[in-house]
Structures are given as C-alpha cells and as structure tokens.
Amino acid sequence: MFIAARSHGLGLRIHAEQFRPGTGAALAAELSAVTADHLETVTEETLRQLQAAGVLPVLLPGSSSR
C-alpha cells in the first residue's frame, strides 16, 4: 500500500507509536515517509532513525487520553 501510494506521487504520513513503541516509526524511517505522526511512546533509537532518514516527527499530545 505504501509503495503504491508513493508510486503515484503521494508523500507518506504514518501514524505510529501512539500507544506502544515498535508500531510503525521505524517503518516510516525505512520508507522515508514525509512524517511520522503521534509518537507518544517513541524511543530515542527510533527518533535517531527518523532523523537519519529525514522524516519529520510530529507529536500530537492533545490526541492522547493518557
């Protein structure tokens, strides 16, 4: 799905790591997404991966019920 979207010129925005780590931010880095959104539970290592891939991390703290 992500590859098909990119092949049609769409930038990827991936909703990841909102409730638990390991749920998409590393994939966002691997696919060079435009953004990785939510990230309430992202780890330092995954943030480094996002930075190295040029993915803009977007924290959306108002959307969490915690």
PDB file of N, CA and C in Angstrom:
ATOM      1  N   MET A   1       0.816  -1.178   0.000  1.00  0.00           N
ATOM      2  CA  MET A   1       0.000   0.000   0.000  1.00  0.00           C
ATOM      3  C   MET A   1       0.870   1.255   0.000  1.00  0.00           C
ATOM      4  N   PHE A   2       1.883   1.316   0.890  1.00  0.00           N
ATOM      5  CA  PHE A   2       2.733   2.498   0.952  1.00  0.00           C
ATOM      6  C   PHE A   2       3.517   2.691  -0.343  1.00  0.00           C
ATOM      7  N   ILE A   3       4.012   1.584  -0.877  1.00  0.00           N
ATOM      8  CA  ILE A   3       4.789   1.658  -2.117  1.00  0.00           C
ATOM      9  C   ILE A   3       3.893   2.132  -3.261  1.00  0.00           C
ATOM     10  N   ALA A   4       2.662   1.650  -3.313  1.00  0.00           N
ATOM     11  CA  ALA A   4       1.726   2.077  -4.358  1.00  0.00           C
ATOM     12  C   ALA A   4       1.416   3.564  -4.222  1.00  0.00           C
ATOM     13  N   ALA A   5       1.211   4.037  -3.007  1.00  0.00           N
ATOM     14  CA  ALA A   5       0.933   5.466  -2.796  1.00  0.00           C
ATOM     15  C   ALA A   5       2.105   6.312  -3.283  1.00  0.00           C
ATOM     16  N   ARG A   6       3.313   5.908  -2.915  1.00  0.00           N
ATOM     17  CA  ARG A   6       4.492   6.667  -3.330  1.00  0.00           C
ATOM     18  C   ARG A   6       4.666   6.620  -4.846  1.00  0.00           C
ATOM     19  N   SER A   7       4.344   5.495  -5.474  1.00  0.00           N
ATOM     20  CA  SER A   7       4.492   5.393  -6.932  1.00  0.00           C
ATOM     21  C   SER A   7       3.536   6.332  -7.667  1.00  0.00           C
ATOM     22  N   HIS A   8       2.497   6.792  -6.976  1.00  0.00           N
ATOM     23  CA  HIS A   8       1.555   7.752  -7.550  1.00  0.00           C
ATOM     24  C   HIS A   8       1.857   9.185  -7.113  1.00  0.00           C
ATOM     25  N   GLY A   9       3.040   9.386  -6.537  1.00  0.00           N
ATOM     26  CA  GLY A   9       3.478  10.722  -6.169  1.00  0.00           C
ATOM     27  C   GLY A   9       2.976  11.223  -4.829  1.00  0.00           C
ATOM     28  N   LEU A  10       2.427  10.344  -4.029  1.00  0.00           N
ATOM     29  CA  LEU A  10       1.926  10.764  -2.722  1.00  0.00           C
ATOM     30  C   LEU A  10       3.014  10.632  -1.666  1.00  0.00           C
ATOM     31  N   GLY A  11       3.144  11.636  -0.809  1.00  0.00           N
ATOM     32  CA  GLY A  11       4.063  11.548   0.316  1.00  0.00           C
ATOM     33  C   GLY A  11       3.423  10.728   1.421  1.00  0.00           C
ATOM     34  N   LEU A  12       4.233   9.979   2.126  1.00  0.00           N
ATOM     35  CA  LEU A  12       3.704   9.111   3.175  1.00  0.00           C
ATOM     36  C   LEU A  12       3.671   9.829   4.518  1.00  0.00           C
ATOM     37  N   ARG A  13       2.558   9.718   5.211  1.00  0.00           N
ATOM     38  CA  ARG A  13       2.404  10.190   6.586  1.00  0.00           C
ATOM     39  C   ARG A  13       1.950   8.963   7.371  1.00  0.00           C
ATOM     40  N   ILE A  14       2.762   8.557   8.316  1.00  0.00           N
ATOM     41  CA  ILE A  14       2.479   7.320   9.034  1.00  0.00           C
ATOM     42  C   ILE A  14       2.125   7.615  10.490  1.00  0.00           C
ATOM     43  N   HIS A  15       0.976   7.123  10.914  1.00  0.00           N
ATOM     44  CA  HIS A  15       0.505   7.229  12.303  1.00  0.00           C
ATOM     45  C   HIS A  15       1.224   6.115  13.067  1.00  0.00           C
ATOM     46  N   ALA A  16       2.081   6.493  14.031  1.00  0.00           N
ATOM     47  CA  ALA A  16       2.917   5.474  14.666  1.00  0.00           C
ATOM     48  C   ALA A  16       3.170   5.770  16.138  1.00  0.00           C
ATOM     49  N   GLU A  17       3.451   4.700  16.882  1.00  0.00           N
ATOM     50  CA  GLU A  17       3.941   4.778  18.257  1.00  0.00           C
ATOM     51  C   GLU A  17       3.023   5.561  19.202  1.00  0.00           C
ATOM     52  N   GLN A  18       1.732   5.583  18.955  1.00  0.00           N
ATOM     53  CA  GLN A  18       0.848   6.341  19.833  1.00  0.00           C
ATOM     54  C   GLN A  18       0.660   5.657  21.183  1.00  0.00           C
ATOM     55  N   PHE A  19       0.397   4.373  21.178  1.00  0.00           N
ATOM     56  CA  PHE A  19       0.094   3.680  22.428  1.00  0.00           C
ATOM     57  C   PHE A  19       1.204   2.760  22.922  1.00  0.00           C
ATOM     58  N   ARG A  20       2.069   2.319  22.014  1.00  0.00           N
ATOM     59  CA  ARG A  20       3.196   1.481  22.419  1.00  0.00           C
ATOM     60  C   ARG A  20       4.312   1.604  21.394  1.00  0.00           C
ATOM     61  N   PRO A  21       5.554   1.459  21.812  1.00  0.00           N
ATOM     62  CA  PRO A  21       6.673   1.556  20.884  1.00  0.00           C
ATOM     63  C   PRO A  21       6.698   0.371  19.916  1.00  0.00           C
ATOM     64  N   GLY A  22       7.360   0.562  18.804  1.00  0.00           N
ATOM     65  CA  GLY A  22       7.502  -0.520  17.831  1.00  0.00           C
ATOM     66  C   GLY A  22       6.307  -0.680  16.916  1.00  0.00           C
ATOM     67  N   THR A  23       5.512   0.376  16.736  1.00  0.00           N
ATOM     68  CA  THR A  23       4.294   0.245  15.930  1.00  0.00           C
ATOM     69  C   THR A  23       4.292   1.178  14.720  1.00  0.00           C
ATOM     70  N   GLY A  24       5.437   1.306  14.064  1.00  0.00           N
ATOM     71  CA  GLY A  24       5.430   1.995  12.781  1.00  0.00           C
ATOM     72  C   GLY A  24       6.462   3.070  12.531  1.00  0.00           C
ATOM     73  N   ALA A  25       7.067   3.641  13.546  1.00  0.00           N
ATOM     74  CA  ALA A  25       8.012   4.731  13.304  1.00  0.00           C
ATOM     75  C   ALA A  25       9.253   4.248  12.558  1.00  0.00           C
ATOM     76  N   ALA A  26       9.753   3.067  12.886  1.00  0.00           N
ATOM     77  CA  ALA A  26      10.910   2.531  12.161  1.00  0.00           C
ATOM     78  C   ALA A  26      10.547   2.283  10.693  1.00  0.00           C
ATOM     79  N   LEU A  27       9.325   1.847  10.430  1.00  0.00           N
ATOM     80  CA  LEU A  27       8.864   1.673   9.058  1.00  0.00           C
ATOM     81  C   LEU A  27       8.822   3.015   8.337  1.00  0.00           C
ATOM     82  N   ALA A  28       8.385   4.059   9.029  1.00  0.00           N
ATOM     83  CA  ALA A  28       8.378   5.398   8.440  1.00  0.00           C
ATOM     84  C   ALA A  28       9.782   5.796   8.023  1.00  0.00           C
ATOM     85  N   ALA A  29      10.775   5.493   8.853  1.00  0.00           N
ATOM     86  CA  ALA A  29      12.169   5.791   8.515  1.00  0.00           C
ATOM     87  C   ALA A  29      12.619   4.964   7.320  1.00  0.00           C
ATOM     88  N   GLU A  30      12.294   3.683   7.335  1.00  0.00           N
ATOM     89  CA  GLU A  30      12.694   2.784   6.243  1.00  0.00           C
ATOM     90  C   GLU A  30      12.117   3.233   4.895  1.00  0.00           C
ATOM     91  N   LEU A  31      10.882   3.728   4.915  1.00  0.00           N
ATOM     92  CA  LEU A  31      10.216   4.144   3.672  1.00  0.00           C
ATOM     93  C   LEU A  31      10.428   5.618   3.345  1.00  0.00           C
ATOM     94  N   SER A  32      11.214   6.319   4.179  1.00  0.00           N
ATOM     95  CA  SER A  32      11.446   7.760   4.003  1.00  0.00           C
ATOM     96  C   SER A  32      10.134   8.523   3.893  1.00  0.00           C
ATOM     97  N   ALA A  33       9.250   8.276   4.842  1.00  0.00           N
ATOM     98  CA  ALA A  33       7.965   8.984   4.885  1.00  0.00           C
ATOM     99  C   ALA A  33       8.205  10.483   5.077  1.00  0.00           C
ATOM    100  N   VAL A  34       7.219  11.271   4.754  1.00  0.00           N
ATOM    101  CA  VAL A  34       7.300  12.707   4.987  1.00  0.00           C
ATOM    102  C   VAL A  34       7.225  12.973   6.484  1.00  0.00           C
ATOM    103  N   THR A  35       6.265  12.333   7.160  1.00  0.00           N
ATOM    104  CA  THR A  35       6.122  12.487   8.607  1.00  0.00           C
ATOM    105  C   THR A  35       5.815  11.151   9.265  1.00  0.00           C
ATOM    106  N   ALA A  36       6.109  11.100  10.553  1.00  0.00           N
ATOM    107  CA  ALA A  36       5.639  10.032  11.436  1.00  0.00           C
ATOM    108  C   ALA A  36       4.864  10.766  12.516  1.00  0.00           C
ATOM    109  N   ASP A  37       3.587  10.492  12.615  1.00  0.00           N
ATOM    110  CA  ASP A  37       2.691  11.252  13.492  1.00  0.00           C
ATOM    111  C   ASP A  37       2.342  10.491  14.767  1.00  0.00           C
ATOM    112  N   HIS A  38       2.119  11.228  15.819  1.00  0.00           N
ATOM    113  CA  HIS A  38       1.752  10.814  17.180  1.00  0.00           C
ATOM    114  C   HIS A  38       3.004  10.640  18.018  1.00  0.00           C
ATOM    115  N   LEU A  39       3.652   9.516  17.991  1.00  0.00           N
ATOM    116  CA  LEU A  39       4.959   9.305  18.621  1.00  0.00           C
ATOM    117  C   LEU A  39       4.998   9.483  20.135  1.00  0.00           C
ATOM    118  N   GLU A  40       3.882   9.337  20.818  1.00  0.00           N
ATOM    119  CA  GLU A  40       3.895   9.482  22.277  1.00  0.00           C
ATOM    120  C   GLU A  40       4.814   8.471  22.967  1.00  0.00           C
ATOM    121  N   THR A  41       5.020   7.298  22.375  1.00  0.00           N
ATOM    122  CA  THR A  41       5.834   6.270  23.018  1.00  0.00           C
ATOM    123  C   THR A  41       7.112   5.953  22.251  1.00  0.00           C
ATOM    124  N   VAL A  42       7.518   6.810  21.349  1.00  0.00           N
ATOM    125  CA  VAL A  42       8.698   6.558  20.523  1.00  0.00           C
ATOM    126  C   VAL A  42       9.964   6.496  21.381  1.00  0.00           C
ATOM    127  N   THR A  43      10.904   5.653  20.980  1.00  0.00           N
ATOM    128  CA  THR A  43      12.168   5.527  21.703  1.00  0.00           C
ATOM    129  C   THR A  43      13.218   6.464  21.113  1.00  0.00           C
ATOM    130  N   GLU A  44      14.266   6.703  21.890  1.00  0.00           N
ATOM    131  CA  GLU A  44      15.380   7.546  21.418  1.00  0.00           C
ATOM    132  C   GLU A  44      15.989   6.958  20.145  1.00  0.00           C
ATOM    133  N   GLU A  45      16.181   5.651  20.124  1.00  0.00           N
ATOM    134  CA  GLU A  45      16.776   4.987  18.950  1.00  0.00           C
ATOM    135  C   GLU A  45      15.919   5.215  17.706  1.00  0.00           C
ATOM    136  N   THR A  46      14.627   5.077  17.836  1.00  0.00           N
ATOM    137  CA  THR A  46      13.752   5.271  16.686  1.00  0.00           C
ATOM    138  C   THR A  46      13.754   6.729  16.241  1.00  0.00           C
ATOM    139  N   LEU A  47      13.827   7.658  17.179  1.00  0.00           N
ATOM    140  CA  LEU A  47      13.941   9.074  16.798  1.00  0.00           C
ATOM    141  C   LEU A  47      15.210   9.321  15.991  1.00  0.00           C
ATOM    142  N   ARG A  48      16.307   8.641  16.373  1.00  0.00           N
ATOM    143  CA  ARG A  48      17.546   8.776  15.590  1.00  0.00           C
ATOM    144  C   ARG A  48      17.360   8.225  14.181  1.00  0.00           C
ATOM    145  N   GLN A  49      16.633   7.120  14.055  1.00  0.00           N
ATOM    146  CA  GLN A  49      16.361   6.545  12.733  1.00  0.00           C
ATOM    147  C   GLN A  49      15.538   7.520  11.885  1.00  0.00           C
ATOM    148  N   LEU A  50      14.527   8.128  12.497  1.00  0.00           N
ATOM    149  CA  LEU A  50      13.705   9.102  11.776  1.00  0.00           C
ATOM    150  C   LEU A  50      14.559  10.285  11.321  1.00  0.00           C
ATOM    151  N   GLN A  51      15.414  10.768  12.202  1.00  0.00           N
ATOM    152  CA  GLN A  51      16.275  11.902  11.858  1.00  0.00           C
ATOM    153  C   GLN A  51      17.205  11.540  10.699  1.00  0.00           C
ATOM    154  N   ALA A  52      17.828  10.387  10.759  1.00  0.00           N
ATOM    155  CA  ALA A  52      18.749   9.964   9.704  1.00  0.00           C
ATOM    156  C   ALA A  52      18.048   9.829   8.361  1.00  0.00           C
ATOM    157  N   ALA A  53      16.771   9.452   8.387  1.00  0.00           N
ATOM    158  CA  ALA A  53      16.012   9.274   7.148  1.00  0.00           C
ATOM    159  C   ALA A  53      15.358  10.563   6.665  1.00  0.00           C
ATOM    160  N   GLY A  54      15.461  11.629   7.458  1.00  0.00           N
ATOM    161  CA  GLY A  54      14.847  12.901   7.072  1.00  0.00           C
ATOM    162  C   GLY A  54      13.342  12.938   7.249  1.00  0.00           C
ATOM    163  N   VAL A  55      12.829  12.092   8.148  1.00  0.00           N
ATOM    164  CA  VAL A  55      11.391  12.041   8.424  1.00  0.00           C
ATOM    165  C   VAL A  55      11.076  13.047   9.524  1.00  0.00           C
ATOM    166  N   LEU A  56      10.074  13.877   9.304  1.00  0.00           N
ATOM    167  CA  LEU A  56       9.679  14.873  10.284  1.00  0.00           C
ATOM    168  C   LEU A  56       8.818  14.217  11.361  1.00  0.00           C
ATOM    169  N   PRO A  57       9.271  14.209  12.623  1.00  0.00           N
ATOM    170  CA  PRO A  57       8.453  13.637  13.691  1.00  0.00           C
ATOM    171  C   PRO A  57       7.396  14.646  14.124  1.00  0.00           C
ATOM    172  N   VAL A  58       6.154  14.185  14.274  1.00  0.00           N
ATOM    173  CA  VAL A  58       5.056  15.062  14.655  1.00  0.00           C
ATOM    174  C   VAL A  58       4.412  14.510  15.916  1.00  0.00           C
ATOM    175  N   LEU A  59       4.586  15.215  17.021  1.00  0.00           N
ATOM    176  CA  LEU A  59       3.979  14.818  18.284  1.00  0.00           C
ATOM    177  C   LEU A  59       2.597  15.439  18.369  1.00  0.00           C
ATOM    178  N   LEU A  60       1.600  14.638  18.647  1.00  0.00           N
ATOM    179  CA  LEU A  60       0.224  15.125  18.763  1.00  0.00           C
ATOM    180  C   LEU A  60      -0.295  14.820  20.162  1.00  0.00           C
ATOM    181  N   PRO A  61       0.228  15.503  21.188  1.00  0.00           N
ATOM    182  CA  PRO A  61      -0.136  15.142  22.556  1.00  0.00           C
ATOM    183  C   PRO A  61      -1.600  15.370  22.900  1.00  0.00           C
ATOM    184  N   GLY A  62      -2.285  16.260  22.237  1.00  0.00           N
ATOM    185  CA  GLY A  62      -3.683  16.515  22.523  1.00  0.00           C
ATOM    186  C   GLY A  62      -4.602  15.384  22.120  1.00  0.00           C
ATOM    187  N   SER A  63      -4.090  14.416  21.362  1.00  0.00           N
ATOM    188  CA  SER A  63      -4.934  13.322  20.896  1.00  0.00           C
ATOM    189  C   SER A  63      -4.878  12.114  21.816  1.00  0.00           C
ATOM    190  N   SER A  64      -4.055  12.156  22.825  1.00  0.00           N
ATOM    191  CA  SER A  64      -3.887  11.017  23.715  1.00  0.00           C
ATOM    192  C   SER A  64      -4.815  11.148  24.924  1.00  0.00           C
ATOM    193  N   SER A  65      -5.329  10.035  25.381  1.00  0.00           N
ATOM    194  CA  SER A  65      -6.199  10.051  26.548  1.00  0.00           C
ATOM    195  C   SER A  65      -5.429   9.754  27.830  1.00  0.00           C
ATOM    196  N   ARG A  66      -4.125   9.670  27.733  1.00  0.00           N
ATOM    197  CA  ARG A  66      -3.298   9.367  28.915  1.00  0.00           C
ATOM    198  C   ARG A  66      -3.116  10.572  29.761  1.00  0.00           C
TER     199      ARG A  66
END
